[in-house]
Amino acid sequence: EHGLGKVFDENIHVPMIVRAPGVRPARITTPVSGVDVAPTL
């Protein structure tokens, strides 16, 4: 499962899918973060 103290790929690599008008589908391969959601929106 998951828990505190977990920093391995299985625990921190999660999907982030953004669908927005005027934005073409793309796969971003560099690391992104949950703190990127608000600036993106």
Full PDB file with SEQRES, HELIX, SHEET, SSBOND, CRYST1, ORIGX, SCALE, CONECT and MASTER records, all heavy atoms in Angstrom:
SEQRES   1 A   41  GLU HIS GLY LEU GLY LYS VAL PHE ASP GLU ASN ILE HIS          
SEQRES   2 A   41  VAL PRO MET ILE VAL ARG ALA PRO GLY VAL ARG PRO ALA          
SEQRES   3 A   41  ARG ILE THR THR PRO VAL SER GLY VAL ASP VAL ALA PRO          
SEQRES   4 A   41  THR LEU                                                      
HELIX    1 AA1 ASP A    9  ILE A   12  1                                   4    
HELIX    2 AA2 GLY A   34  ASP A   36  5                                   3    
HELIX    3 AA3 VAL A   37  THR A   40  1                                   4    
CRYST1    1.000    1.000    1.000  90.00  90.00  90.00 P 1           1          
ORIGX1      1.000000  0.000000  0.000000        0.00000                         
ORIGX2      0.000000  1.000000  0.000000        0.00000                         
ORIGX3      0.000000  0.000000  1.000000        0.00000                         
SCALE1      1.000000  0.000000  0.000000        0.00000                         
SCALE2      0.000000  1.000000  0.000000        0.00000                         
SCALE3      0.000000  0.000000  1.000000        0.00000                         
ATOM      1  N   GLU A   1       0.823  -1.197   0.000  1.00  0.00           N  
ATOM      2  CA  GLU A   1       0.000   0.000   0.000  1.00  0.00           C  
ATOM      3  C   GLU A   1       0.862   1.254   0.000  1.00  0.00           C  
ATOM      4  O   GLU A   1       1.929   1.286  -0.592  1.00  0.00           O  
ATOM      5  CB  GLU A   1      -1.005  -0.014   1.159  1.00  0.00           C  
ATOM      6  CG  GLU A   1      -1.986  -1.175   1.081  1.00  0.00           C  
ATOM      7  CD  GLU A   1      -2.941  -1.213   2.250  1.00  0.00           C  
ATOM      8  OE1 GLU A   1      -2.652  -0.644   3.301  1.00  0.00           O  
ATOM      9  OE2 GLU A   1      -3.999  -1.824   2.075  1.00  0.00           O  
ATOM     10  N   HIS A   2       0.405   2.292   0.661  1.00  0.00           N  
ATOM     11  CA  HIS A   2       1.134   3.552   0.701  1.00  0.00           C  
ATOM     12  C   HIS A   2       1.250   3.976   2.153  1.00  0.00           C  
ATOM     13  O   HIS A   2       0.670   3.387   3.035  1.00  0.00           O  
ATOM     14  CB  HIS A   2       0.400   4.626  -0.110  1.00  0.00           C  
ATOM     15  CG  HIS A   2      -0.933   4.974   0.490  1.00  0.00           C  
ATOM     16  ND1 HIS A   2      -2.050   4.218   0.237  1.00  0.00           N  
ATOM     17  CD2 HIS A   2      -1.313   5.946   1.332  1.00  0.00           C  
ATOM     18  CE1 HIS A   2      -3.071   4.739   0.902  1.00  0.00           C  
ATOM     19  NE2 HIS A   2      -2.653   5.788   1.568  1.00  0.00           N  
ATOM     20  N   GLY A   3       1.985   4.994   2.367  1.00  0.00           N  
ATOM     21  CA  GLY A   3       2.113   5.486   3.724  1.00  0.00           C  
ATOM     22  C   GLY A   3       3.077   6.650   3.779  1.00  0.00           C  
ATOM     23  O   GLY A   3       3.636   7.070   2.768  1.00  0.00           O  
ATOM     24  N   LEU A   4       3.256   7.141   4.945  1.00  0.00           N  
ATOM     25  CA  LEU A   4       4.171   8.248   5.143  1.00  0.00           C  
ATOM     26  C   LEU A   4       5.603   7.776   4.930  1.00  0.00           C  
ATOM     27  O   LEU A   4       5.940   6.639   5.202  1.00  0.00           O  
ATOM     28  CB  LEU A   4       4.007   8.803   6.560  1.00  0.00           C  
ATOM     29  CG  LEU A   4       2.608   9.316   6.893  1.00  0.00           C  
ATOM     30  CD1 LEU A   4       2.504   9.636   8.369  1.00  0.00           C  
ATOM     31  CD2 LEU A   4       2.278  10.531   6.070  1.00  0.00           C  
ATOM     32  N   GLY A   5       6.433   8.644   4.446  1.00  0.00           N  
ATOM     33  CA  GLY A   5       7.829   8.310   4.271  1.00  0.00           C  
ATOM     34  C   GLY A   5       8.145   7.621   2.969  1.00  0.00           C  
ATOM     35  O   GLY A   5       9.265   7.206   2.739  1.00  0.00           O  
ATOM     36  N   LYS A   6       7.168   7.483   2.086  1.00  0.00           N  
ATOM     37  CA  LYS A   6       7.379   6.774   0.831  1.00  0.00           C  
ATOM     38  C   LYS A   6       7.753   7.758  -0.267  1.00  0.00           C  
ATOM     39  O   LYS A   6       6.981   8.652  -0.595  1.00  0.00           O  
ATOM     40  CB  LYS A   6       6.130   6.010   0.411  1.00  0.00           C  
ATOM     41  CG  LYS A   6       5.564   5.113   1.494  1.00  0.00           C  
ATOM     42  CD  LYS A   6       6.557   4.057   1.905  1.00  0.00           C  
ATOM     43  CE  LYS A   6       5.913   3.125   2.915  1.00  0.00           C  
ATOM     44  NZ  LYS A   6       6.848   2.450   3.747  1.00  0.00           N  
ATOM     45  N   VAL A   7       8.922   7.581  -0.853  1.00  0.00           N  
ATOM     46  CA  VAL A   7       9.374   8.477  -1.914  1.00  0.00           C  
ATOM     47  C   VAL A   7       9.762   7.710  -3.179  1.00  0.00           C  
ATOM     48  O   VAL A   7      10.400   8.248  -4.065  1.00  0.00           O  
ATOM     49  CB  VAL A   7      10.556   9.365  -1.455  1.00  0.00           C  
ATOM     50  CG1 VAL A   7      10.152  10.252  -0.291  1.00  0.00           C  
ATOM     51  CG2 VAL A   7      11.765   8.520  -1.084  1.00  0.00           C  
ATOM     52  N   PHE A   8       9.379   6.446  -3.262  1.00  0.00           N  
ATOM     53  CA  PHE A   8       9.728   5.626  -4.409  1.00  0.00           C  
ATOM     54  C   PHE A   8       8.744   5.868  -5.547  1.00  0.00           C  
ATOM     55  O   PHE A   8       7.622   6.336  -5.343  1.00  0.00           O  
ATOM     56  CB  PHE A   8       9.755   4.146  -4.009  1.00  0.00           C  
ATOM     57  CG  PHE A   8      10.730   3.864  -2.899  1.00  0.00           C  
ATOM     58  CD1 PHE A   8      10.283   3.541  -1.630  1.00  0.00           C  
ATOM     59  CD2 PHE A   8      12.094   3.950  -3.125  1.00  0.00           C  
ATOM     60  CE1 PHE A   8      11.181   3.287  -0.603  1.00  0.00           C  
ATOM     61  CE2 PHE A   8      13.001   3.698  -2.106  1.00  0.00           C  
ATOM     62  CZ  PHE A   8      12.547   3.370  -0.846  1.00  0.00           C  
ATOM     63  N   ASP A   9       9.159   5.518  -6.780  1.00  0.00           N  
ATOM     64  CA  ASP A   9       8.323   5.748  -7.962  1.00  0.00           C  
ATOM     65  C   ASP A   9       6.903   5.226  -7.777  1.00  0.00           C  
ATOM     66  O   ASP A   9       5.941   5.884  -8.175  1.00  0.00           O  
ATOM     67  CB  ASP A   9       8.935   5.084  -9.194  1.00  0.00           C  
ATOM     68  CG  ASP A   9      10.169   5.816  -9.703  1.00  0.00           C  
ATOM     69  OD1 ASP A   9      10.440   6.939  -9.233  1.00  0.00           O  
ATOM     70  OD2 ASP A   9      10.857   5.261 -10.580  1.00  0.00           O  
ATOM     71  N   GLU A  10       6.762   4.040  -7.221  1.00  0.00           N  
ATOM     72  CA  GLU A  10       5.433   3.436  -7.052  1.00  0.00           C  
ATOM     73  C   GLU A  10       4.512   4.328  -6.220  1.00  0.00           C  
ATOM     74  O   GLU A  10       3.297   4.283  -6.391  1.00  0.00           O  
ATOM     75  CB  GLU A  10       5.541   2.067  -6.366  1.00  0.00           C  
ATOM     76  CG  GLU A  10       6.299   1.040  -7.154  1.00  0.00           C  
ATOM     77  CD  GLU A  10       7.819   1.167  -7.021  1.00  0.00           C  
ATOM     78  OE1 GLU A  10       8.296   1.883  -6.122  1.00  0.00           O  
ATOM     79  OE2 GLU A  10       8.517   0.558  -7.834  1.00  0.00           O  
ATOM     80  N   ASN A  11       5.082   5.113  -5.333  1.00  0.00           N  
ATOM     81  CA  ASN A  11       4.285   5.948  -4.445  1.00  0.00           C  
ATOM     82  C   ASN A  11       4.065   7.364  -4.965  1.00  0.00           C  
ATOM     83  O   ASN A  11       3.045   7.978  -4.679  1.00  0.00           O  
ATOM     84  CB  ASN A  11       4.927   6.021  -3.059  1.00  0.00           C  
ATOM     85  CG  ASN A  11       5.162   4.661  -2.460  1.00  0.00           C  
ATOM     86  OD1 ASN A  11       6.297   4.222  -2.367  1.00  0.00           O  
ATOM     87  ND2 ASN A  11       4.110   3.972  -2.080  1.00  0.00           N  
ATOM     88  N   ILE A  12       5.045   7.894  -5.719  1.00  0.00           N  
ATOM     89  CA  ILE A  12       4.937   9.306  -6.106  1.00  0.00           C  
ATOM     90  C   ILE A  12       4.638   9.543  -7.575  1.00  0.00           C  
ATOM     91  O   ILE A  12       4.243  10.638  -7.945  1.00  0.00           O  
ATOM     92  CB  ILE A  12       6.190  10.104  -5.700  1.00  0.00           C  
ATOM     93  CG1 ILE A  12       7.413   9.640  -6.466  1.00  0.00           C  
ATOM     94  CG2 ILE A  12       6.404  10.040  -4.197  1.00  0.00           C  
ATOM     95  CD1 ILE A  12       8.614  10.557  -6.303  1.00  0.00           C  
ATOM     96  N   HIS A  13       4.820   8.552  -8.440  1.00  0.00           N  
ATOM     97  CA  HIS A  13       4.477   8.739  -9.854  1.00  0.00           C  
ATOM     98  C   HIS A  13       2.995   8.448 -10.035  1.00  0.00           C  
ATOM     99  O   HIS A  13       2.561   7.307  -9.958  1.00  0.00           O  
ATOM    100  CB  HIS A  13       5.310   7.822 -10.736  1.00  0.00           C  
ATOM    101  CG  HIS A  13       6.702   8.322 -10.927  1.00  0.00           C  
ATOM    102  ND1 HIS A  13       7.539   7.808 -11.872  1.00  0.00           N  
ATOM    103  CD2 HIS A  13       7.410   9.287 -10.303  1.00  0.00           C  
ATOM    104  CE1 HIS A  13       8.701   8.430 -11.812  1.00  0.00           C  
ATOM    105  NE2 HIS A  13       8.639   9.317 -10.866  1.00  0.00           N  
ATOM    106  N   VAL A  14       2.237   9.505 -10.242  1.00  0.00           N  
ATOM    107  CA  VAL A  14       0.793   9.377 -10.395  1.00  0.00           C  
ATOM    108  C   VAL A  14       0.378  10.080 -11.683  1.00  0.00           C  
ATOM    109  O   VAL A  14       1.087  10.953 -12.179  1.00  0.00           O  
ATOM    110  CB  VAL A  14       0.031   9.976  -9.191  1.00  0.00           C  
ATOM    111  CG1 VAL A  14       0.376   9.247  -7.911  1.00  0.00           C  
ATOM    112  CG2 VAL A  14       0.306  11.462  -9.041  1.00  0.00           C  
ATOM    113  N   PRO A  15      -0.767   9.727 -12.218  1.00  0.00           N  
ATOM    114  CA  PRO A  15      -1.211  10.417 -13.431  1.00  0.00           C  
ATOM    115  C   PRO A  15      -1.631  11.847 -13.131  1.00  0.00           C  
ATOM    116  O   PRO A  15      -2.122  12.148 -12.040  1.00  0.00           O  
ATOM    117  CB  PRO A  15      -2.410   9.590 -13.898  1.00  0.00           C  
ATOM    118  CG  PRO A  15      -2.888   8.887 -12.683  1.00  0.00           C  
ATOM    119  CD  PRO A  15      -1.688   8.686 -11.804  1.00  0.00           C  
ATOM    120  N   MET A  16      -1.383  12.719 -14.070  1.00  0.00           N  
ATOM    121  CA  MET A  16      -1.961  14.063 -14.056  1.00  0.00           C  
ATOM    122  C   MET A  16      -2.422  14.300 -15.489  1.00  0.00           C  
ATOM    123  O   MET A  16      -1.613  14.422 -16.401  1.00  0.00           O  
ATOM    124  CB  MET A  16      -0.974  15.141 -13.639  1.00  0.00           C  
ATOM    125  CG  MET A  16      -1.619  16.523 -13.615  1.00  0.00           C  
ATOM    126  SD  MET A  16      -0.493  17.905 -13.295  1.00  0.00           S  
ATOM    127  CE  MET A  16      -0.066  17.639 -11.586  1.00  0.00           C  
ATOM    128  N   ILE A  17      -3.718  14.295 -15.671  1.00  0.00           N  
ATOM    129  CA  ILE A  17      -4.300  14.440 -16.997  1.00  0.00           C  
ATOM    130  C   ILE A  17      -5.034  15.777 -17.036  1.00  0.00           C  
ATOM    131  O   ILE A  17      -5.875  16.050 -16.179  1.00  0.00           O  
ATOM    132  CB  ILE A  17      -5.272  13.279 -17.298  1.00  0.00           C  
ATOM    133  CG1 ILE A  17      -4.516  11.946 -17.191  1.00  0.00           C  
ATOM    134  CG2 ILE A  17      -5.911  13.453 -18.665  1.00  0.00           C  
ATOM    135  CD1 ILE A  17      -5.414  10.738 -17.115  1.00  0.00           C  
ATOM    136  N   VAL A  18      -4.665  16.597 -18.005  1.00  0.00           N  
ATOM    137  CA  VAL A  18      -5.289  17.906 -18.151  1.00  0.00           C  
ATOM    138  C   VAL A  18      -5.971  17.949 -19.508  1.00  0.00           C  
ATOM    139  O   VAL A  18      -5.343  17.692 -20.530  1.00  0.00           O  
ATOM    140  CB  VAL A  18      -4.241  19.041 -18.051  1.00  0.00           C  
ATOM    141  CG1 VAL A  18      -4.905  20.405 -18.233  1.00  0.00           C  
ATOM    142  CG2 VAL A  18      -3.492  18.975 -16.723  1.00  0.00           C  
ATOM    143  N   ARG A  19      -7.248  18.254 -19.508  1.00  0.00           N  
ATOM    144  CA  ARG A  19      -8.005  18.447 -20.742  1.00  0.00           C  
ATOM    145  C   ARG A  19      -8.509  19.879 -20.699  1.00  0.00           C  
ATOM    146  O   ARG A  19      -9.174  20.283 -19.751  1.00  0.00           O  
ATOM    147  CB  ARG A  19      -9.181  17.462 -20.799  1.00  0.00           C  
ATOM    148  CG  ARG A  19      -9.985  17.549 -22.074  1.00  0.00           C  
ATOM    149  CD  ARG A  19     -11.151  18.492 -21.885  1.00  0.00           C  
ATOM    150  NE  ARG A  19     -11.892  18.668 -23.117  1.00  0.00           N  
ATOM    151  CZ  ARG A  19     -12.530  19.772 -23.415  1.00  0.00           C  
ATOM    152  NH1 ARG A  19     -12.528  20.800 -22.618  1.00  0.00           N  
ATOM    153  NH2 ARG A  19     -13.193  19.872 -24.536  1.00  0.00           N  
ATOM    154  N   ALA A  20      -8.131  20.658 -21.715  1.00  0.00           N  
ATOM    155  CA  ALA A  20      -8.531  22.057 -21.726  1.00  0.00           C  
ATOM    156  C   ALA A  20      -8.753  22.520 -23.155  1.00  0.00           C  
ATOM    157  O   ALA A  20      -8.077  22.054 -24.075  1.00  0.00           O  
ATOM    158  CB  ALA A  20      -7.460  22.916 -21.052  1.00  0.00           C  
ATOM    159  N   PRO A  21      -9.669  23.449 -23.336  1.00  0.00           N  
ATOM    160  CA  PRO A  21      -9.925  23.978 -24.677  1.00  0.00           C  
ATOM    161  C   PRO A  21      -8.658  24.641 -25.231  1.00  0.00           C  
ATOM    162  O   PRO A  21      -7.952  25.351 -24.529  1.00  0.00           O  
ATOM    163  CB  PRO A  21     -11.019  25.021 -24.468  1.00  0.00           C  
ATOM    164  CG  PRO A  21     -11.485  24.875 -23.073  1.00  0.00           C  
ATOM    165  CD  PRO A  21     -10.504  24.057 -22.324  1.00  0.00           C  
ATOM    166  N   GLY A  22      -8.366  24.364 -26.491  1.00  0.00           N  
ATOM    167  CA  GLY A  22      -7.234  25.006 -27.150  1.00  0.00           C  
ATOM    168  C   GLY A  22      -5.882  24.410 -26.828  1.00  0.00           C  
ATOM    169  O   GLY A  22      -4.864  24.894 -27.314  1.00  0.00           O  
ATOM    170  N   VAL A  23      -5.843  23.373 -26.006  1.00  0.00           N  
ATOM    171  CA  VAL A  23      -4.567  22.745 -25.653  1.00  0.00           C  
ATOM    172  C   VAL A  23      -4.508  21.391 -26.344  1.00  0.00           C  
ATOM    173  O   VAL A  23      -5.364  20.537 -26.123  1.00  0.00           O  
ATOM    174  CB  VAL A  23      -4.425  22.584 -24.121  1.00  0.00           C  
ATOM    175  CG1 VAL A  23      -3.134  21.863 -23.776  1.00  0.00           C  
ATOM    176  CG2 VAL A  23      -4.482  23.938 -23.436  1.00  0.00           C  
ATOM    177  N   ARG A  24      -3.485  21.217 -27.179  1.00  0.00           N  
ATOM    178  CA  ARG A  24      -3.329  19.951 -27.893  1.00  0.00           C  
ATOM    179  C   ARG A  24      -2.799  18.883 -26.950  1.00  0.00           C  
ATOM    180  O   ARG A  24      -1.988  19.181 -26.069  1.00  0.00           O  
ATOM    181  CB  ARG A  24      -2.384  20.138 -29.069  1.00  0.00           C  
ATOM    182  CG  ARG A  24      -3.006  21.033 -30.141  1.00  0.00           C  
ATOM    183  CD  ARG A  24      -2.126  21.233 -31.342  1.00  0.00           C  
ATOM    184  NE  ARG A  24      -1.651  19.973 -31.890  1.00  0.00           N  
ATOM    185  CZ  ARG A  24      -0.599  19.881 -32.689  1.00  0.00           C  
ATOM    186  NH1 ARG A  24       0.079  20.948 -33.026  1.00  0.00           N  
ATOM    187  NH2 ARG A  24      -0.218  18.712 -33.161  1.00  0.00           N  
ATOM    188  N   PRO A  25      -3.228  17.639 -27.117  1.00  0.00           N  
ATOM    189  CA  PRO A  25      -2.731  16.555 -26.264  1.00  0.00           C  
ATOM    190  C   PRO A  25      -1.207  16.428 -26.361  1.00  0.00           C  
ATOM    191  O   PRO A  25      -0.636  16.517 -27.448  1.00  0.00           O  
ATOM    192  CB  PRO A  25      -3.405  15.309 -26.836  1.00  0.00           C  
ATOM    193  CG  PRO A  25      -4.611  15.815 -27.551  1.00  0.00           C  
ATOM    194  CD  PRO A  25      -4.229  17.169 -28.081  1.00  0.00           C  
ATOM    195  N   ALA A  26      -0.573  16.260 -25.220  1.00  0.00           N  
ATOM    196  CA  ALA A  26       0.886  16.123 -25.165  1.00  0.00           C  
ATOM    197  C   ALA A  26       1.255  15.272 -23.971  1.00  0.00           C  
ATOM    198  O   ALA A  26       0.548  15.257 -22.962  1.00  0.00           O  
ATOM    199  CB  ALA A  26       1.545  17.498 -25.035  1.00  0.00           C  
ATOM    200  N   ARG A  27       2.363  14.589 -24.085  1.00  0.00           N  
ATOM    201  CA  ARG A  27       2.894  13.817 -22.963  1.00  0.00           C  
ATOM    202  C   ARG A  27       4.131  14.550 -22.457  1.00  0.00           C  
ATOM    203  O   ARG A  27       5.105  14.707 -23.188  1.00  0.00           O  
ATOM    204  CB  ARG A  27       3.251  12.412 -23.396  1.00  0.00           C  
ATOM    205  CG  ARG A  27       3.784  11.579 -22.253  1.00  0.00           C  
ATOM    206  CD  ARG A  27       4.110  10.158 -22.732  1.00  0.00           C  
ATOM    207  NE  ARG A  27       4.378   9.321 -21.603  1.00  0.00           N  
ATOM    208  CZ  ARG A  27       3.476   8.592 -20.951  1.00  0.00           C  
ATOM    209  NH1 ARG A  27       2.231   8.597 -21.345  1.00  0.00           N  
ATOM    210  NH2 ARG A  27       3.816   7.845 -19.926  1.00  0.00           N  
ATOM    211  N   ILE A  28       4.066  15.012 -21.224  1.00  0.00           N  
ATOM    212  CA  ILE A  28       5.186  15.722 -20.614  1.00  0.00           C  
ATOM    213  C   ILE A  28       6.025  14.691 -19.870  1.00  0.00           C  
ATOM    214  O   ILE A  28       5.507  13.964 -19.019  1.00  0.00           O  
ATOM    215  CB  ILE A  28       4.680  16.826 -19.658  1.00  0.00           C  
ATOM    216  CG1 ILE A  28       3.883  17.862 -20.455  1.00  0.00           C  
ATOM    217  CG2 ILE A  28       5.834  17.462 -18.905  1.00  0.00           C  
ATOM    218  CD1 ILE A  28       3.191  18.894 -19.604  1.00  0.00           C  
ATOM    219  N   THR A  29       7.300  14.624 -20.191  1.00  0.00           N  
ATOM    220  CA  THR A  29       8.148  13.589 -19.604  1.00  0.00           C  
ATOM    221  C   THR A  29       9.015  14.107 -18.461  1.00  0.00           C  
ATOM    222  O   THR A  29       9.578  13.307 -17.727  1.00  0.00           O  
ATOM    223  CB  THR A  29       9.061  12.958 -20.676  1.00  0.00           C  
ATOM    224  OG1 THR A  29       9.850  13.984 -21.269  1.00  0.00           O  
ATOM    225  CG2 THR A  29       8.224  12.261 -21.745  1.00  0.00           C  
ATOM    226  N   THR A  30       9.125  15.412 -18.301  1.00  0.00           N  
ATOM    227  CA  THR A  30       9.886  15.938 -17.172  1.00  0.00           C  
ATOM    228  C   THR A  30       9.001  15.914 -15.931  1.00  0.00           C  
ATOM    229  O   THR A  30       7.774  15.934 -16.036  1.00  0.00           O  
ATOM    230  CB  THR A  30      10.371  17.387 -17.439  1.00  0.00           C  
ATOM    231  OG1 THR A  30       9.232  18.202 -17.715  1.00  0.00           O  
ATOM    232  CG2 THR A  30      11.351  17.428 -18.587  1.00  0.00           C  
ATOM    233  N   PRO A  31       9.598  15.865 -14.741  1.00  0.00           N  
ATOM    234  CA  PRO A  31       8.777  15.809 -13.523  1.00  0.00           C  
ATOM    235  C   PRO A  31       7.872  17.033 -13.371  1.00  0.00           C  
ATOM    236  O   PRO A  31       8.266  18.151 -13.671  1.00  0.00           O  
ATOM    237  CB  PRO A  31       9.816  15.777 -12.397  1.00  0.00           C  
ATOM    238  CG  PRO A  31      11.063  15.264 -13.028  1.00  0.00           C  
ATOM    239  CD  PRO A  31      11.023  15.765 -14.440  1.00  0.00           C  
ATOM    240  N   VAL A  32       6.662  16.765 -12.938  1.00  0.00           N  
ATOM    241  CA  VAL A  32       5.715  17.818 -12.588  1.00  0.00           C  
ATOM    242  C   VAL A  32       5.239  17.535 -11.165  1.00  0.00           C  
ATOM    243  O   VAL A  32       5.572  16.508 -10.588  1.00  0.00           O  
ATOM    244  CB  VAL A  32       4.528  17.907 -13.579  1.00  0.00           C  
ATOM    245  CG1 VAL A  32       5.028  18.210 -14.974  1.00  0.00           C  
ATOM    246  CG2 VAL A  32       3.692  16.670 -13.559  1.00  0.00           C  
ATOM    247  N   SER A  33       4.462  18.444 -10.621  1.00  0.00           N  
ATOM    248  CA  SER A  33       4.068  18.312  -9.227  1.00  0.00           C  
ATOM    249  C   SER A  33       2.628  18.774  -9.041  1.00  0.00           C  
ATOM    250  O   SER A  33       2.090  19.510  -9.870  1.00  0.00           O  
ATOM    251  CB  SER A  33       5.009  19.167  -8.363  1.00  0.00           C  
ATOM    252  OG  SER A  33       4.598  19.157  -7.020  1.00  0.00           O  
ATOM    253  N   GLY A  34       2.049  18.367  -7.943  1.00  0.00           N  
ATOM    254  CA  GLY A  34       0.699  18.817  -7.606  1.00  0.00           C  
ATOM    255  C   GLY A  34       0.615  20.333  -7.486  1.00  0.00           C  
ATOM    256  O   GLY A  34      -0.446  20.915  -7.727  1.00  0.00           O  
ATOM    257  N   VAL A  35       1.733  20.996  -7.139  1.00  0.00           N  
ATOM    258  CA  VAL A  35       1.713  22.456  -7.039  1.00  0.00           C  
ATOM    259  C   VAL A  35       1.604  23.123  -8.403  1.00  0.00           C  
ATOM    260  O   VAL A  35       1.419  24.331  -8.488  1.00  0.00           O  
ATOM    261  CB  VAL A  35       2.939  23.026  -6.274  1.00  0.00           C  
ATOM    262  CG1 VAL A  35       2.978  22.527  -4.845  1.00  0.00           C  
ATOM    263  CG2 VAL A  35       4.221  22.731  -6.999  1.00  0.00           C  
ATOM    264  N   ASP A  36       1.690  22.324  -9.487  1.00  0.00           N  
ATOM    265  CA  ASP A  36       1.553  22.869 -10.840  1.00  0.00           C  
ATOM    266  C   ASP A  36       0.091  22.965 -11.284  1.00  0.00           C  
ATOM    267  O   ASP A  36      -0.195  23.606 -12.296  1.00  0.00           O  
ATOM    268  CB  ASP A  36       2.319  21.998 -11.845  1.00  0.00           C  
ATOM    269  CG  ASP A  36       3.809  21.957 -11.560  1.00  0.00           C  
ATOM    270  OD1 ASP A  36       4.343  22.941 -11.005  1.00  0.00           O  
ATOM    271  OD2 ASP A  36       4.442  20.934 -11.886  1.00  0.00           O  
ATOM    272  N   VAL A  37      -0.827  22.344 -10.556  1.00  0.00           N  
ATOM    273  CA  VAL A  37      -2.235  22.344 -10.966  1.00  0.00           C  
ATOM    274  C   VAL A  37      -2.816  23.752 -10.947  1.00  0.00           C  
ATOM    275  O   VAL A  37      -3.397  24.203 -11.940  1.00  0.00           O  
ATOM    276  CB  VAL A  37      -3.075  21.388 -10.083  1.00  0.00           C  
ATOM    277  CG1 VAL A  37      -4.555  21.515 -10.400  1.00  0.00           C  
ATOM    278  CG2 VAL A  37      -2.614  19.944 -10.274  1.00  0.00           C  
ATOM    279  N   ALA A  38      -2.668  24.470  -9.846  1.00  0.00           N  
ATOM    280  CA  ALA A  38      -3.260  25.817  -9.748  1.00  0.00           C  
ATOM    281  C   ALA A  38      -2.677  26.768 -10.794  1.00  0.00           C  
ATOM    282  O   ALA A  38      -3.449  27.440 -11.500  1.00  0.00           O  
ATOM    283  CB  ALA A  38      -3.088  26.377  -8.339  1.00  0.00           C  
ATOM    284  N   PRO A  39      -1.343  26.863 -10.956  1.00  0.00           N  
ATOM    285  CA  PRO A  39      -0.828  27.762 -11.999  1.00  0.00           C  
ATOM    286  C   PRO A  39      -1.294  27.372 -13.408  1.00  0.00           C  
ATOM    287  O   PRO A  39      -1.537  28.244 -14.248  1.00  0.00           O  
ATOM    288  CB  PRO A  39       0.693  27.637 -11.877  1.00  0.00           C  
ATOM    289  CG  PRO A  39       0.950  27.123 -10.524  1.00  0.00           C  
ATOM    290  CD  PRO A  39      -0.253  26.305 -10.155  1.00  0.00           C  
ATOM    291  N   THR A  40      -1.426  26.068 -13.664  1.00  0.00           N  
ATOM    292  CA  THR A  40      -1.889  25.624 -14.979  1.00  0.00           C  
ATOM    293  C   THR A  40      -3.325  26.077 -15.221  1.00  0.00           C  
ATOM    294  O   THR A  40      -3.638  26.638 -16.281  1.00  0.00           O  
ATOM    295  CB  THR A  40      -1.784  24.089 -15.092  1.00  0.00           C  
ATOM    296  OG1 THR A  40      -0.409  23.710 -14.929  1.00  0.00           O  
ATOM    297  CG2 THR A  40      -2.302  23.594 -16.426  1.00  0.00           C  
ATOM    298  N   LEU A  41      -4.205  25.862 -14.260  1.00  0.00           N  
ATOM    299  CA  LEU A  41      -5.605  26.277 -14.417  1.00  0.00           C  
ATOM    300  C   LEU A  41      -5.729  27.798 -14.504  1.00  0.00           C  
ATOM    301  O   LEU A  41      -6.512  28.319 -15.307  1.00  0.00           O  
ATOM    302  CB  LEU A  41      -6.456  25.731 -13.274  1.00  0.00           C  
ATOM    303  CG  LEU A  41      -6.684  24.223 -13.301  1.00  0.00           C  
ATOM    304  CD1 LEU A  41      -7.418  23.761 -12.047  1.00  0.00           C  
ATOM    305  CD2 LEU A  41      -7.445  23.799 -14.547  1.00  0.00           C  
TER     306      LEU A  41                                                      
MASTER        0    0    0    3    0    0    0    6  305    1    0    4          
END                                                                             
